Protein backbone atom coordinates (compact mmCIF):
# COMPACT_ATOMS: atom_id res chain seq x y z
CA MET A 1 80.59 124.24 95.11
CA LYS A 2 78.03 125.08 97.77
CA VAL A 3 78.78 126.78 101.09
CA TYR A 4 76.83 126.03 104.26
CA SER A 5 77.18 127.54 107.72
CA LYS A 6 74.31 125.72 109.45
CA ILE A 7 74.48 122.09 110.57
CA GLU A 8 70.86 121.41 109.65
CA GLU A 9 71.38 122.58 106.07
CA ILE A 10 74.49 120.55 105.34
CA GLN A 11 73.16 117.46 107.11
CA ASP A 12 70.07 117.44 104.89
CA VAL A 13 72.37 117.23 101.88
CA ILE A 14 74.66 114.62 103.45
CA LEU A 15 71.84 112.34 104.56
CA ASP A 16 70.37 112.46 101.08
CA LEU A 17 73.73 111.48 99.55
CA LYS A 18 74.26 108.70 102.11
CA SER A 19 70.78 107.31 101.38
CA LYS A 20 71.88 106.94 97.77
CA GLY A 21 75.01 105.01 98.78
CA LYS A 22 77.42 107.84 97.98
CA SER A 23 80.81 108.03 99.72
CA ILE A 24 81.78 111.24 101.53
CA GLY A 25 85.33 112.53 101.81
CA PHE A 26 86.01 115.09 104.53
CA VAL A 27 88.89 117.55 104.92
CA PRO A 28 88.69 119.47 108.22
CA THR A 29 90.72 122.71 108.23
CA MET A 30 91.16 125.87 110.25
CA GLY A 31 91.33 127.94 107.08
CA ALA A 32 94.26 130.01 105.81
CA LEU A 33 94.45 127.34 103.13
CA HIS A 34 97.58 126.46 101.18
CA GLU A 35 98.71 123.82 98.68
CA GLY A 36 98.98 121.24 101.45
CA HIS A 37 95.26 121.56 102.18
CA LEU A 38 94.42 121.52 98.49
CA SER A 39 96.36 118.27 98.04
CA LEU A 40 94.14 116.69 100.71
CA VAL A 41 91.06 117.92 98.84
CA GLU A 42 92.45 116.46 95.63
CA LYS A 43 93.00 113.05 97.24
CA SER A 44 89.47 113.11 98.63
CA THR A 45 87.90 114.00 95.29
CA GLN A 46 89.85 111.18 93.62
CA ASN A 47 88.68 108.57 96.13
CA CYS A 48 85.18 109.66 97.16
CA ASP A 49 81.95 110.54 95.38
CA PHE A 50 81.61 113.87 97.20
CA THR A 51 84.02 116.03 99.21
CA ILE A 52 83.31 118.36 102.12
CA VAL A 53 85.85 120.87 103.45
CA SER A 54 85.24 122.52 106.80
CA VAL A 55 86.75 125.88 107.72
CA PHE A 56 86.59 126.45 111.47
CA VAL A 57 89.19 127.98 113.79
CA ASN A 58 88.62 125.85 116.86
CA PRO A 59 89.20 127.90 120.02
CA THR A 60 89.31 124.91 122.36
CA GLN A 61 92.57 123.53 120.95
CA PHE A 62 94.57 126.70 121.60
CA ASN A 63 96.29 126.82 124.97
CA ASN A 64 97.75 130.23 124.08
CA GLN A 65 95.18 133.02 123.71
CA LEU A 66 97.59 135.20 121.72
CA ASP A 67 98.15 132.34 119.26
CA LEU A 68 94.38 132.06 118.78
CA GLU A 69 94.01 135.81 118.24
CA ASN A 70 96.87 135.88 115.72
CA TYR A 71 95.80 132.79 113.79
CA PRO A 72 95.25 133.90 110.17
CA ARG A 73 91.63 134.10 109.03
CA THR A 74 91.23 134.41 105.26
CA ILE A 75 87.80 132.96 104.50
CA GLU A 76 87.23 134.82 101.20
CA GLN A 77 90.62 133.75 99.87
CA ASP A 78 89.99 130.20 101.13
CA LEU A 79 86.71 129.96 99.23
CA GLU A 80 88.35 131.22 96.04
CA LEU A 81 91.07 128.56 96.38
CA LEU A 82 88.50 125.83 96.94
CA LYS A 83 86.63 126.88 93.81
CA SER A 84 89.73 125.88 91.86
CA THR A 85 89.39 122.31 93.18
CA SER A 86 86.68 119.66 92.78
CA CYS A 87 85.37 120.33 96.28
CA ASP A 88 81.59 119.93 96.44
CA PHE A 89 80.66 121.49 99.79
CA VAL A 90 82.25 123.89 102.26
CA PHE A 91 81.11 123.99 105.87
CA THR A 92 81.83 127.31 107.64
CA PRO A 93 80.14 127.09 111.04
CA SER A 94 80.21 129.67 113.81
CA ILE A 95 81.54 128.84 117.28
CA ASN A 96 77.95 128.71 118.60
CA GLU A 97 77.00 126.28 115.86
CA ILE A 98 79.75 123.85 116.86
CA TYR A 99 79.49 124.46 120.59
CA PRO A 100 75.86 125.29 121.45
CA GLU A 101 74.76 125.57 125.08
CA SER A 102 73.60 121.95 124.89
CA PHE A 103 77.06 120.72 123.83
CA GLU A 104 78.38 117.95 126.05
CA LYS A 105 82.17 117.76 126.15
CA VAL A 106 83.73 114.30 125.95
CA ASN A 107 86.68 113.27 128.08
CA LEU A 108 88.83 110.63 126.42
CA ASN A 109 91.85 109.06 128.09
CA LEU A 110 94.51 109.11 125.37
CA GLY A 111 97.06 107.26 127.45
CA THR A 112 100.67 108.12 126.63
CA LEU A 113 99.57 110.11 123.56
CA GLU A 114 98.52 113.08 125.69
CA HIS A 115 101.65 113.12 127.86
CA VAL A 116 104.37 113.34 125.22
CA MET A 117 105.48 116.05 122.80
CA GLU A 118 102.49 118.26 121.91
CA GLY A 119 100.46 116.85 124.78
CA LYS A 120 103.22 117.74 127.21
CA HIS A 121 103.94 121.20 125.82
CA ARG A 122 100.35 122.23 125.03
CA PRO A 123 98.15 121.10 127.94
CA GLY A 124 94.53 120.65 126.86
CA HIS A 125 95.35 120.88 123.15
CA PHE A 126 94.37 117.33 122.25
CA ASP A 127 91.29 117.52 124.42
CA GLY A 128 90.15 120.32 122.11
CA VAL A 129 91.16 118.37 119.00
CA VAL A 130 89.24 115.26 120.09
CA ASN A 131 86.08 117.21 120.82
CA VAL A 132 86.02 119.26 117.63
CA VAL A 133 86.93 116.38 115.28
CA LYS A 134 84.38 114.08 116.91
CA ARG A 135 81.77 116.81 116.54
CA LEU A 136 82.67 117.43 112.89
CA PHE A 137 82.59 113.71 112.11
CA GLU A 138 79.11 113.46 113.65
CA ILE A 139 77.95 116.37 111.50
CA THR A 140 79.52 115.37 108.18
CA LEU A 141 79.27 111.56 108.51
CA PRO A 142 82.33 110.98 106.31
CA THR A 143 83.42 107.71 104.74
CA LYS A 144 87.03 108.90 104.76
CA ALA A 145 88.73 111.87 106.44
CA TYR A 146 92.02 113.33 105.25
CA PHE A 147 94.79 114.73 107.45
CA GLY A 148 98.35 115.89 106.78
CA LEU A 149 101.24 114.11 108.48
CA LYS A 150 102.89 117.42 109.38
CA ASP A 151 100.77 117.11 112.53
CA PHE A 152 102.10 113.61 113.18
CA GLN A 153 100.85 113.28 116.75
CA GLN A 154 97.45 114.75 115.90
CA VAL A 155 96.90 112.02 113.30
CA ALA A 156 97.70 109.38 115.94
CA VAL A 157 95.25 111.01 118.38
CA ILE A 158 92.46 111.17 115.78
CA LYS A 159 92.96 107.51 114.86
CA PHE A 160 92.81 106.62 118.56
CA MET A 161 89.66 108.71 119.06
CA THR A 162 87.95 107.22 116.00
CA ASN A 163 88.59 103.69 117.29
CA ALA A 164 87.62 104.53 120.87
CA PHE A 165 84.20 105.87 119.85
CA GLU A 166 83.76 103.26 117.10
CA MET A 167 83.25 105.96 114.50
CA HIS A 168 83.26 104.22 111.15
CA VAL A 169 85.54 106.70 109.43
CA GLU A 170 88.72 105.74 107.59
CA ILE A 171 91.52 108.13 108.56
CA VAL A 172 93.77 108.81 105.56
CA ALA A 173 97.15 110.27 106.51
CA CYS A 174 98.87 112.19 103.69
CA GLU A 175 102.48 113.19 103.22
CA THR A 176 103.62 116.68 104.22
CA LEU A 177 103.88 119.15 101.35
CA ARG A 178 106.91 121.44 101.45
CA GLU A 179 107.91 124.76 100.00
CA PRO A 180 110.97 124.69 97.67
CA SER A 181 113.15 125.57 100.68
CA GLY A 182 111.97 122.44 102.52
CA LEU A 183 109.81 124.41 104.96
CA ALA A 184 106.66 122.42 105.70
CA MET A 185 103.56 124.16 104.33
CA SER A 186 101.55 125.64 107.18
CA SER A 187 98.89 128.30 107.68
CA ARG A 188 101.24 129.87 110.22
CA ASN A 189 103.80 130.51 107.47
CA GLN A 190 101.65 133.50 106.46
CA ARG A 191 102.95 135.24 109.58
CA LEU A 192 106.61 134.82 108.56
CA SER A 193 108.67 137.54 106.89
CA LEU A 194 111.09 136.67 104.10
CA THR A 195 113.94 136.67 106.63
CA ASP A 196 111.89 134.45 108.95
CA ARG A 197 111.28 131.99 106.14
CA GLU A 198 115.00 131.76 105.46
CA ASP A 199 115.74 131.28 109.17
CA ALA A 200 113.00 128.64 109.44
CA THR A 201 114.75 126.38 106.92
CA ILE A 202 116.93 125.19 109.84
CA ILE A 203 113.96 123.03 110.92
CA PHE A 204 113.96 120.78 107.86
CA LYS A 205 117.76 120.93 107.61
CA THR A 206 117.92 119.54 111.15
CA LEU A 207 115.55 116.71 110.23
CA GLN A 208 117.67 115.96 107.17
CA PHE A 209 120.80 115.99 109.36
CA ALA A 210 119.17 113.44 111.66
CA LYS A 211 118.19 111.19 108.73
CA ALA A 212 121.68 111.38 107.24
CA ASN A 213 123.28 110.36 110.54
CA VAL A 214 120.80 107.77 111.74
CA HIS A 215 123.30 104.90 111.39
CA GLN A 216 126.05 106.73 113.27
CA TYR A 217 124.36 107.10 116.65
CA SER A 218 121.84 105.71 119.09
CA PRO A 219 118.56 107.67 119.21
CA ILE A 220 119.52 109.60 122.34
CA GLU A 221 122.95 110.45 120.88
CA LEU A 222 121.38 111.55 117.60
CA ILE A 223 118.96 113.82 119.47
CA GLU A 224 121.91 115.61 121.07
CA GLN A 225 123.80 115.91 117.79
CA SER A 226 120.70 117.19 115.99
CA MET A 227 120.02 119.79 118.67
CA ASN A 228 123.60 121.01 118.35
CA PHE A 229 123.08 121.30 114.58
CA PHE A 230 119.78 123.16 115.08
CA ASN A 231 121.45 125.65 117.41
CA LEU A 232 123.65 126.84 114.53
CA GLY A 233 120.51 128.63 113.30
CA ASN A 234 118.50 131.52 114.71
CA LEU A 235 115.31 129.82 115.92
CA LYS A 236 114.37 128.85 119.47
CA LEU A 237 113.92 125.11 119.94
CA GLU A 238 110.97 123.88 121.98
CA TYR A 239 111.69 120.18 121.56
CA PHE A 240 113.37 117.61 119.34
CA GLU A 241 112.33 113.99 119.87
CA ILE A 242 112.88 110.69 118.13
CA VAL A 243 109.88 108.48 118.74
CA ASN A 244 108.32 105.10 118.13
CA PRO A 245 105.81 105.80 115.30
CA LEU A 246 103.10 103.67 116.94
CA THR A 247 103.31 104.63 120.62
CA LEU A 248 105.06 108.02 120.19
CA GLU A 249 107.26 107.14 123.14
CA SER A 250 110.79 108.52 123.00
CA LEU A 251 113.53 106.22 121.79
CA GLU A 252 116.81 106.15 123.68
CA ASN A 253 119.17 103.28 122.99
CA GLU A 254 117.42 101.06 120.44
CA TRP A 255 116.08 101.88 116.99
CA VAL A 256 112.68 100.68 115.77
CA LYS A 257 111.25 100.50 112.27
CA GLY A 258 109.72 103.81 111.22
CA ALA A 259 111.44 105.81 113.97
CA THR A 260 110.38 109.42 113.45
CA ALA A 261 112.11 112.67 114.38
CA CYS A 262 109.68 115.35 115.60
CA ILE A 263 110.61 118.98 116.07
CA VAL A 264 108.93 122.18 117.24
CA ALA A 265 110.60 125.59 117.17
CA TYR A 266 109.71 129.25 117.47
CA CYS A 267 110.52 131.74 114.74
CA GLY A 268 109.86 134.93 116.67
CA ASN A 269 106.44 134.25 118.19
CA VAL A 270 105.35 131.85 115.42
CA ARG A 271 105.37 128.20 116.48
CA LEU A 272 106.40 125.81 113.71
CA ILE A 273 106.13 122.01 113.75
CA ASP A 274 107.61 119.32 111.51
CA ASN A 275 108.70 115.67 111.46
CA LEU A 276 110.50 113.15 109.28
CA GLU A 277 110.65 109.38 109.30
CA LEU A 278 114.28 108.35 109.74
């Protein structure tokens, strides 16, 4: 496994591999790696000739400065974890490397995608996601890129962006990995105490409640019932939505195939996100 921090260095390697017809798998991360990330790396190494993992905490997708400052940074531990996988290259750029003075920001109209759920509650977040992922794709030139479905809306945005800019990258969405308690694996979990982790199980329990009762109610009724169930716990709910999996528009009276419940809640000052197809 080789580690590069400069674009020029890693691109020399990538262009050489591409000239030989090799496929490139790419797993973009913000570090603080866990088993969920490693499962994406594993899928990439199974399906592609070479795998690149990037570790870059992207400041432009944080609309909360405190959240950015508190985001866990564990690069040495991350590299040790990646050594245990079949990862070939790690890209660890600086902010100036990704966003030099010559960087030209793109503005992409995401339509309804940027006005619902995360787009509504985190203004500017997906603007940052689009710009950094586009930039990373241009650097790493991947054949396939791997993302976890825990960030359900982000996957939809990245697919939209890839199509809009005609970037010939296959987006591979992978199932959410969970801790034994049901809590979705997340880098932010590192900031939770043992008590917090127990309290946070209400998130997945609420999703399971919704799935178990999907035939009893209309979407809007099930949202209300699920929120009542969630409020039996100790977390603060930001939103609970049931959405069309293609448009991400909220469902009210009619069910559609693949309807997905999406939830965001605060455990103290740690923001946790999850979803489940109903």
